[in-house]
Amino acid sequence: MNHIDCLYFLADPNHSQTVRLAQDNKFLPVDVRLIFGRPVPAEPGPKVSSVRFAREDDLPALRAIAAKSHSDTRFYFDRHFDRSRCDQLYETWIENSFHGFAQAVLVVERGTMPAGYVTLHKRDEEARIGLIAVAPGHQGAGLGRLLVEQSLEWARQQAATKMKVVTQGRNVAAQRLYQRCGFLTDSFEIWYHRWFGTAGKE
């Protein structure tokens, strides 16, 4: 018999009855989920030599970046989750993305080492950015924008017509990056967590 410690619930904040039911049943809001979108350019963009497809030998560096780059997410915000396990979640996520969970993983290099990555998905005519991160020592140098722009070029080559990406309401830096790259807010939702038994006690 399976045991549930934590139940996730993604709610439409415009539906007041749903929000009240969540609150009345001890679901705690842990994240605002923002969905951004923009059309995929019809014309090819400039080729950037520092951005390439990930290789197997990149994985140790990508795992190290992943373990330090996603602390704005709901798992870190919810103090019931051990932070080291959250680090491991994103290390596994980027590795699984490389091994087929994502349709493509791009890296941006500084010197000969990856300094950031983006995972990409496509379904029908819609492409999507999954994980995106730049290593702490390389932030502020425009690498995130390079990754987003090359993601749009990948989407164009895959015949996608729209690109979407999800970020957190508390991740203002990511929101500004997407806005600078021509993305607009499509919608937003609220993540709730409900903990049960001893796992839910302070």
C-alpha atoms as a PDB file:
ATOM      1  CA  MET A   1       0.000   0.000   0.000  1.00  0.00           C
ATOM      2  CA  ASN A   2       1.391   3.379  -1.004  1.00  0.00           C
ATOM      3  CA  HIS A   3       1.740   6.173   1.534  1.00  0.00           C
ATOM      4  CA  ILE A   4       1.416   9.843   0.568  1.00  0.00           C
ATOM      5  CA  ASP A   5       3.398  12.422   2.524  1.00  0.00           C
ATOM      6  CA  CYS A   6       2.754  15.411   0.278  1.00  0.00           C
ATOM      7  CA  LEU A   7       0.046  16.118  -2.274  1.00  0.00           C
ATOM      8  CA  TYR A   8       0.580  18.775  -4.962  1.00  0.00           C
ATOM      9  CA  PHE A   9      -2.303  20.848  -6.272  1.00  0.00           C
ATOM     10  CA  LEU A  10      -2.140  23.357  -9.134  1.00  0.00           C
ATOM     11  CA  ALA A  11      -5.004  25.856  -8.944  1.00  0.00           C
ATOM     12  CA  ASP A  12      -6.532  28.509 -11.149  1.00  0.00           C
ATOM     13  CA  PRO A  13      -6.323  31.667  -8.975  1.00  0.00           C
ATOM     14  CA  ASN A  14      -9.278  33.189 -10.840  1.00  0.00           C
ATOM     15  CA  HIS A  15     -11.590  30.466  -9.495  1.00  0.00           C
ATOM     16  CA  SER A  16     -12.329  31.707  -5.974  1.00  0.00           C
ATOM     17  CA  GLN A  17     -14.131  28.549  -4.858  1.00  0.00           C
ATOM     18  CA  THR A  18     -11.100  26.407  -5.710  1.00  0.00           C
ATOM     19  CA  VAL A  19      -8.783  28.707  -3.773  1.00  0.00           C
ATOM     20  CA  ARG A  20     -11.093  28.653  -0.731  1.00  0.00           C
ATOM     21  CA  LEU A  21     -11.368  24.865  -0.825  1.00  0.00           C
ATOM     22  CA  ALA A  22      -7.592  24.548  -0.953  1.00  0.00           C
ATOM     23  CA  GLN A  23      -7.155  26.845   2.038  1.00  0.00           C
ATOM     24  CA  ASP A  24      -9.958  25.174   4.014  1.00  0.00           C
ATOM     25  CA  ASN A  25      -8.323  21.765   3.509  1.00  0.00           C
ATOM     26  CA  LYS A  26      -4.868  22.797   4.732  1.00  0.00           C
ATOM     27  CA  PHE A  27      -3.245  23.218   1.330  1.00  0.00           C
ATOM     28  CA  LEU A  28      -0.493  25.819   1.645  1.00  0.00           C
ATOM     29  CA  PRO A  29       0.454  28.091  -1.300  1.00  0.00           C
ATOM     30  CA  VAL A  30       4.117  27.547  -2.163  1.00  0.00           C
ATOM     31  CA  ASP A  31       4.559  29.054  -5.613  1.00  0.00           C
ATOM     32  CA  VAL A  32       3.064  31.299  -8.266  1.00  0.00           C
ATOM     33  CA  ARG A  33       3.542  29.559 -11.613  1.00  0.00           C
ATOM     34  CA  LEU A  34       3.975  32.089 -14.432  1.00  0.00           C
ATOM     35  CA  ILE A  35       3.671  30.976 -18.067  1.00  0.00           C
ATOM     36  CA  PHE A  36       5.346  33.191 -20.675  1.00  0.00           C
ATOM     37  CA  GLY A  37       5.022  32.833 -24.444  1.00  0.00           C
ATOM     38  CA  ARG A  38       6.092  34.410 -27.714  1.00  0.00           C
ATOM     39  CA  PRO A  39       5.992  33.563 -31.434  1.00  0.00           C
ATOM     40  CA  VAL A  40       8.988  31.728 -32.839  1.00  0.00           C
ATOM     41  CA  PRO A  41      10.876  33.927 -35.345  1.00  0.00           C
ATOM     42  CA  ALA A  42      10.300  33.010 -38.975  1.00  0.00           C
ATOM     43  CA  GLU A  43      13.838  33.969 -40.015  1.00  0.00           C
ATOM     44  CA  PRO A  44      17.031  32.343 -38.717  1.00  0.00           C
ATOM     45  CA  GLY A  45      18.955  34.157 -36.041  1.00  0.00           C
ATOM     46  CA  PRO A  46      22.731  34.590 -35.837  1.00  0.00           C
ATOM     47  CA  LYS A  47      24.795  31.504 -35.111  1.00  0.00           C
ATOM     48  CA  VAL A  48      26.513  31.649 -31.708  1.00  0.00           C
ATOM     49  CA  SER A  49      29.622  29.478 -31.554  1.00  0.00           C
ATOM     50  CA  SER A  50      29.644  29.339 -27.749  1.00  0.00           C
ATOM     51  CA  VAL A  51      26.242  27.585 -27.661  1.00  0.00           C
ATOM     52  CA  ARG A  52      26.144  23.925 -28.702  1.00  0.00           C
ATOM     53  CA  PHE A  53      24.359  20.669 -27.991  1.00  0.00           C
ATOM     54  CA  ALA A  54      25.345  18.982 -24.728  1.00  0.00           C
ATOM     55  CA  ARG A  55      27.679  15.974 -24.731  1.00  0.00           C
ATOM     56  CA  GLU A  56      28.000  13.050 -22.343  1.00  0.00           C
ATOM     57  CA  ASP A  57      31.214  14.453 -20.887  1.00  0.00           C
ATOM     58  CA  ASP A  58      29.364  17.677 -19.943  1.00  0.00           C
ATOM     59  CA  LEU A  59      27.181  15.899 -17.391  1.00  0.00           C
ATOM     60  CA  PRO A  60      29.379  16.370 -14.278  1.00  0.00           C
ATOM     61  CA  ALA A  61      29.492  20.134 -14.938  1.00  0.00           C
ATOM     62  CA  LEU A  62      25.767  20.293 -15.726  1.00  0.00           C
ATOM     63  CA  ARG A  63      24.905  18.420 -12.528  1.00  0.00           C
ATOM     64  CA  ALA A  64      27.059  20.827 -10.510  1.00  0.00           C
ATOM     65  CA  ILE A  65      25.313  23.832 -12.082  1.00  0.00           C
ATOM     66  CA  ALA A  66      21.879  22.271 -11.498  1.00  0.00           C
ATOM     67  CA  ALA A  67      22.560  21.693  -7.798  1.00  0.00           C
ATOM     68  CA  LYS A  68      23.111  25.448  -7.270  1.00  0.00           C
ATOM     69  CA  SER A  69      20.686  27.073  -9.693  1.00  0.00           C
ATOM     70  CA  HIS A  70      17.046  26.355  -8.897  1.00  0.00           C
ATOM     71  CA  SER A  71      16.573  27.591  -5.335  1.00  0.00           C
ATOM     72  CA  ASP A  72      13.640  29.813  -6.375  1.00  0.00           C
ATOM     73  CA  THR A  73      11.445  26.764  -6.978  1.00  0.00           C
ATOM     74  CA  ARG A  74       8.640  25.510  -4.750  1.00  0.00           C
ATOM     75  CA  PHE A  75      10.627  22.550  -3.451  1.00  0.00           C
ATOM     76  CA  TYR A  76      13.221  24.792  -1.813  1.00  0.00           C
ATOM     77  CA  PHE A  77      10.530  27.186  -0.589  1.00  0.00           C
ATOM     78  CA  ASP A  78       8.650  24.393   1.209  1.00  0.00           C
ATOM     79  CA  ARG A  79      10.781  23.805   4.314  1.00  0.00           C
ATOM     80  CA  HIS A  80       9.471  20.235   4.677  1.00  0.00           C
ATOM     81  CA  PHE A  81      11.822  19.234   1.850  1.00  0.00           C
ATOM     82  CA  ASP A  82      15.484  18.684   2.704  1.00  0.00           C
ATOM     83  CA  ARG A  83      17.574  21.120   0.671  1.00  0.00           C
ATOM     84  CA  SER A  84      20.206  18.524  -0.217  1.00  0.00           C
ATOM     85  CA  ARG A  85      17.459  16.312  -1.656  1.00  0.00           C
ATOM     86  CA  CYS A  86      16.245  19.300  -3.686  1.00  0.00           C
ATOM     87  CA  ASP A  87      19.781  19.690  -5.053  1.00  0.00           C
ATOM     88  CA  GLN A  88      19.739  16.006  -6.016  1.00  0.00           C
ATOM     89  CA  LEU A  89      16.351  16.434  -7.704  1.00  0.00           C
ATOM     90  CA  TYR A  90      17.748  18.977 -10.159  1.00  0.00           C
ATOM     91  CA  GLU A  91      20.978  17.040 -10.684  1.00  0.00           C
ATOM     92  CA  THR A  92      18.867  14.049 -11.692  1.00  0.00           C
ATOM     93  CA  TRP A  93      16.525  16.244 -13.746  1.00  0.00           C
ATOM     94  CA  ILE A  94      19.296  17.618 -15.961  1.00  0.00           C
ATOM     95  CA  GLU A  95      20.842  14.173 -16.388  1.00  0.00           C
ATOM     96  CA  ASN A  96      17.494  12.628 -17.338  1.00  0.00           C
ATOM     97  CA  SER A  97      16.900  15.520 -19.744  1.00  0.00           C
ATOM     98  CA  PHE A  98      20.140  14.684 -21.520  1.00  0.00           C
ATOM     99  CA  HIS A  99      19.239  11.000 -21.663  1.00  0.00           C
ATOM    100  CA  GLY A 100      15.941  11.553 -23.455  1.00  0.00           C
ATOM    101  CA  PHE A 101      13.471  13.324 -21.176  1.00  0.00           C
ATOM    102  CA  ALA A 102      14.120  16.505 -23.194  1.00  0.00           C
ATOM    103  CA  GLN A 103      14.373  16.598 -26.965  1.00  0.00           C
ATOM    104  CA  ALA A 104      17.495  18.774 -26.790  1.00  0.00           C
ATOM    105  CA  VAL A 105      19.900  20.168 -24.209  1.00  0.00           C
ATOM    106  CA  LEU A 106      21.976  23.191 -25.196  1.00  0.00           C
ATOM    107  CA  VAL A 107      24.990  24.428 -23.260  1.00  0.00           C
ATOM    108  CA  VAL A 108      26.798  27.754 -23.361  1.00  0.00           C
ATOM    109  CA  GLU A 109      30.559  27.559 -22.911  1.00  0.00           C
ATOM    110  CA  ARG A 110      33.079  29.801 -21.236  1.00  0.00           C
ATOM    111  CA  GLY A 111      36.509  28.589 -22.229  1.00  0.00           C
ATOM    112  CA  THR A 112      36.130  24.859 -22.673  1.00  0.00           C
ATOM    113  CA  MET A 113      33.595  24.265 -19.888  1.00  0.00           C
ATOM    114  CA  PRO A 114      29.796  24.573 -19.815  1.00  0.00           C
ATOM    115  CA  ALA A 115      28.691  27.703 -17.976  1.00  0.00           C
ATOM    116  CA  GLY A 116      24.941  27.169 -18.396  1.00  0.00           C
ATOM    117  CA  TYR A 117      22.302  25.021 -20.001  1.00  0.00           C
ATOM    118  CA  VAL A 118      18.749  24.950 -21.315  1.00  0.00           C
ATOM    119  CA  THR A 119      16.517  21.917 -21.899  1.00  0.00           C
ATOM    120  CA  LEU A 120      14.040  21.972 -24.784  1.00  0.00           C
ATOM    121  CA  HIS A 121      10.816  20.173 -25.652  1.00  0.00           C
ATOM    122  CA  LYS A 122       8.418  20.279 -28.590  1.00  0.00           C
ATOM    123  CA  ARG A 123       4.874  19.037 -29.002  1.00  0.00           C
ATOM    124  CA  ASP A 124       2.936  19.696 -32.189  1.00  0.00           C
ATOM    125  CA  GLU A 125       3.717  23.316 -33.109  1.00  0.00           C
ATOM    126  CA  GLU A 126       4.645  24.462 -29.581  1.00  0.00           C
ATOM    127  CA  ALA A 127       8.191  24.412 -28.212  1.00  0.00           C
ATOM    128  CA  ARG A 128       8.953  24.772 -24.527  1.00  0.00           C
ATOM    129  CA  ILE A 129      11.927  25.653 -22.381  1.00  0.00           C
ATOM    130  CA  GLY A 130      12.221  23.257 -19.442  1.00  0.00           C
ATOM    131  CA  LEU A 131      15.191  23.942 -17.175  1.00  0.00           C
ATOM    132  CA  ILE A 132      17.498  26.882 -17.780  1.00  0.00           C
ATOM    133  CA  ALA A 133      20.438  27.907 -15.620  1.00  0.00           C
ATOM    134  CA  VAL A 134      23.707  29.812 -15.675  1.00  0.00           C
ATOM    135  CA  ALA A 135      26.443  28.924 -13.195  1.00  0.00           C
ATOM    136  CA  PRO A 136      26.716  31.433 -10.315  1.00  0.00           C
ATOM    137  CA  GLY A 137      30.198  32.579 -11.363  1.00  0.00           C
ATOM    138  CA  HIS A 138      29.008  33.483 -14.873  1.00  0.00           C
ATOM    139  CA  GLN A 139      25.745  35.287 -14.171  1.00  0.00           C
ATOM    140  CA  GLY A 140      25.261  38.850 -15.379  1.00  0.00           C
ATOM    141  CA  ALA A 141      27.270  38.305 -18.581  1.00  0.00           C
ATOM    142  CA  GLY A 142      24.318  37.799 -20.936  1.00  0.00           C
ATOM    143  CA  LEU A 143      24.628  34.015 -21.141  1.00  0.00           C
ATOM    144  CA  GLY A 144      20.993  33.447 -20.208  1.00  0.00           C
ATOM    145  CA  ARG A 145      19.902  35.594 -23.122  1.00  0.00           C
ATOM    146  CA  LEU A 146      22.178  33.656 -25.485  1.00  0.00           C
ATOM    147  CA  LEU A 147      20.565  30.412 -24.331  1.00  0.00           C
ATOM    148  CA  VAL A 148      17.040  31.762 -24.829  1.00  0.00           C
ATOM    149  CA  GLU A 149      17.856  33.146 -28.283  1.00  0.00           C
ATOM    150  CA  GLN A 150      19.404  29.858 -29.391  1.00  0.00           C
ATOM    151  CA  SER A 151      16.389  28.029 -27.953  1.00  0.00           C
ATOM    152  CA  LEU A 152      14.181  30.093 -30.258  1.00  0.00           C
ATOM    153  CA  GLU A 153      16.436  29.186 -33.195  1.00  0.00           C
ATOM    154  CA  TRP A 154      16.158  25.491 -32.272  1.00  0.00           C
ATOM    155  CA  ALA A 155      12.367  25.886 -32.139  1.00  0.00           C
ATOM    156  CA  ARG A 156      12.383  27.519 -35.579  1.00  0.00           C
ATOM    157  CA  GLN A 157      14.375  24.602 -36.983  1.00  0.00           C
ATOM    158  CA  GLN A 158      11.832  22.206 -35.479  1.00  0.00           C
ATOM    159  CA  ALA A 159       8.982  24.071 -37.268  1.00  0.00           C
ATOM    160  CA  ALA A 160       7.458  25.288 -34.009  1.00  0.00           C
ATOM    161  CA  THR A 161       5.379  28.450 -34.179  1.00  0.00           C
ATOM    162  CA  LYS A 162       5.271  29.346 -30.464  1.00  0.00           C
ATOM    163  CA  MET A 163       7.707  29.053 -27.573  1.00  0.00           C
ATOM    164  CA  LYS A 164       6.587  28.856 -23.945  1.00  0.00           C
ATOM    165  CA  VAL A 165       8.441  28.853 -20.659  1.00  0.00           C
ATOM    166  CA  VAL A 166       7.378  28.564 -17.028  1.00  0.00           C
ATOM    167  CA  THR A 167       9.009  30.397 -14.132  1.00  0.00           C
ATOM    168  CA  GLN A 168       8.269  31.285 -10.532  1.00  0.00           C
ATOM    169  CA  GLY A 169       6.581  34.420  -9.291  1.00  0.00           C
ATOM    170  CA  ARG A 170       9.520  34.989  -6.939  1.00  0.00           C
ATOM    171  CA  ASN A 171      12.094  34.648  -9.744  1.00  0.00           C
ATOM    172  CA  VAL A 172      12.147  38.246 -10.930  1.00  0.00           C
ATOM    173  CA  ALA A 173      15.483  37.866 -12.731  1.00  0.00           C
ATOM    174  CA  ALA A 174      14.070  35.116 -14.965  1.00  0.00           C
ATOM    175  CA  GLN A 175      10.938  37.150 -15.680  1.00  0.00           C
ATOM    176  CA  ARG A 176      13.045  40.098 -16.808  1.00  0.00           C
ATOM    177  CA  LEU A 177      15.170  37.830 -19.015  1.00  0.00           C
ATOM    178  CA  TYR A 178      12.120  36.478 -20.832  1.00  0.00           C
ATOM    179  CA  GLN A 179      10.612  39.930 -21.186  1.00  0.00           C
ATOM    180  CA  ARG A 180      13.849  41.225 -22.751  1.00  0.00           C
ATOM    181  CA  CYS A 181      13.646  38.306 -25.192  1.00  0.00           C
ATOM    182  CA  GLY A 182      10.138  39.267 -26.303  1.00  0.00           C
ATOM    183  CA  PHE A 183       8.049  36.968 -24.113  1.00  0.00           C
ATOM    184  CA  LEU A 184       4.738  38.097 -22.617  1.00  0.00           C
ATOM    185  CA  THR A 185       2.765  36.622 -19.730  1.00  0.00           C
ATOM    186  CA  ASP A 186       0.207  34.098 -20.984  1.00  0.00           C
ATOM    187  CA  SER A 187      -1.274  32.986 -17.662  1.00  0.00           C
ATOM    188  CA  PHE A 188      -0.485  32.156 -14.054  1.00  0.00           C
ATOM    189  CA  GLU A 189      -1.455  29.469 -11.554  1.00  0.00           C
ATOM    190  CA  ILE A 190      -0.817  28.721  -7.880  1.00  0.00           C
ATOM    191  CA  TRP A 191       0.945  25.632  -6.590  1.00  0.00           C
ATOM    192  CA  TYR A 192      -0.306  24.263  -3.258  1.00  0.00           C
ATOM    193  CA  HIS A 193       1.247  21.545  -1.089  1.00  0.00           C
ATOM    194  CA  ARG A 194      -0.703  19.504   1.461  1.00  0.00           C
ATOM    195  CA  TRP A 195       1.325  17.495   3.955  1.00  0.00           C
ATOM    196  CA  PHE A 196      -0.086  14.537   5.864  1.00  0.00           C
ATOM    197  CA  GLY A 197       0.747  12.823   9.147  1.00  0.00           C
ATOM    198  CA  THR A 198       4.034  13.463  10.943  1.00  0.00           C
ATOM    199  CA  ALA A 199       5.616  14.786   7.720  1.00  0.00           C
ATOM    200  CA  GLY A 200       3.287  17.765   7.871  1.00  0.00           C
ATOM    201  CA  LYS A 201       4.050  18.789  11.450  1.00  0.00           C
ATOM    202  CA  GLU A 202       6.358  21.665  12.262  1.00  0.00           C
END
